[in-house]
Amino acid sequence: MPYAPIVIDREALTIMSVPFPDLETLENTAEAIGSNMFEGFQPTRRGIEIIRDYCLGKISFAQLAAAAKEKAYEK
């Protein structure tokens, strides 16, 4: 699949309209998404929410891995 840029709004603190509590979390999440996009990851709103929640400590690594295994990010 061809590369498709994602919309990051540092002023509104959103990535693809997913809200973030602060700039640091937004940038950490954007970095993680960007790295994975080089491996073929196609970000979805749900996928961004999952990665954001992991960066914020709201879900564990085990939960992140389970979401990836179940392809929950595609929903």
Protein backbone atom coordinates (compact mmCIF):
# COMPACT_ATOMS: atom_id res chain seq x y z
CA MET A 1 0.00 0.00 0.00
CA PRO A 2 1.22 3.50 -0.69
CA TYR A 3 2.20 5.81 2.12
CA ALA A 4 -0.65 8.04 3.29
CA PRO A 5 0.20 10.87 5.66
CA ILE A 6 -1.82 11.24 8.84
CA VAL A 7 -3.28 14.51 10.08
CA ILE A 8 -1.51 15.77 13.20
CA ASP A 9 -2.77 18.99 14.78
CA ARG A 10 -0.34 20.06 17.48
CA GLU A 11 -2.43 23.09 18.41
CA ALA A 12 -5.67 21.12 18.92
CA LEU A 13 -3.65 18.16 20.30
CA THR A 14 -5.18 15.62 17.91
CA ILE A 15 -4.03 12.91 15.53
CA MET A 16 -6.70 11.97 12.99
CA SER A 17 -9.18 13.75 15.31
CA VAL A 18 -8.20 11.58 18.30
CA PRO A 19 -7.67 13.92 21.28
CA PHE A 20 -4.55 13.91 23.47
CA PRO A 21 -4.11 15.38 26.94
CA ASP A 22 -0.74 16.98 26.19
CA LEU A 23 1.84 17.61 23.48
CA GLU A 24 4.33 15.09 24.86
CA THR A 25 1.86 12.21 24.61
CA LEU A 26 0.80 13.33 21.13
CA GLU A 27 4.42 13.42 19.92
CA ASN A 28 5.27 10.05 21.52
CA THR A 29 2.23 8.49 19.88
CA ALA A 30 2.98 10.11 16.51
CA GLU A 31 6.52 8.77 16.70
CA ALA A 32 5.30 5.24 17.45
CA ILE A 33 2.77 5.40 14.62
CA GLY A 34 5.34 6.77 12.17
CA SER A 35 7.81 4.00 12.99
CA ASN A 36 5.14 1.36 12.48
CA MET A 37 4.00 2.93 9.20
CA PHE A 38 7.44 2.16 7.76
CA GLU A 39 6.60 -1.49 8.47
CA GLY A 40 3.27 -1.26 6.65
CA PHE A 41 0.94 -0.26 9.51
CA GLN A 42 -2.10 1.65 8.22
CA PRO A 43 -3.32 3.82 11.11
CA THR A 44 -7.00 4.00 11.94
CA ARG A 45 -8.73 6.12 14.54
CA ARG A 46 -9.10 3.06 16.79
CA GLY A 47 -5.46 2.14 16.35
CA ILE A 48 -4.40 5.63 17.39
CA GLU A 49 -6.64 5.41 20.47
CA ILE A 50 -5.04 2.10 21.46
CA ILE A 51 -1.48 3.42 21.06
CA ARG A 52 -2.40 6.65 22.91
CA ASP A 53 -3.86 4.65 25.78
CA TYR A 54 -0.71 2.52 25.98
CA CYS A 55 1.50 5.66 26.02
CA LEU A 56 -0.67 7.06 28.83
CA GLY A 57 -0.44 3.84 30.85
CA LYS A 58 -4.18 3.20 30.57
CA ILE A 59 -3.56 -0.24 29.07
CA SER A 60 -0.71 -2.66 29.66
CA PHE A 61 1.72 -4.04 27.12
CA ALA A 62 -0.17 -7.34 27.32
CA GLN A 63 -3.41 -5.53 26.45
CA LEU A 64 -1.65 -3.71 23.58
CA ALA A 65 -0.32 -7.01 22.26
CA ALA A 66 -3.76 -8.63 22.58
CA ALA A 67 -5.34 -5.74 20.66
CA ALA A 68 -2.74 -6.15 17.92
CA LYS A 69 -3.28 -9.91 17.79
CA GLU A 70 -7.05 -9.44 17.56
CA LYS A 71 -6.52 -6.67 14.99
CA ALA A 72 -8.71 -4.42 17.15
CA TYR A 73 -6.96 -1.43 15.58
CA GLU A 74 -8.76 -2.11 12.29
CA LYS A 75 -12.20 -1.42 13.78
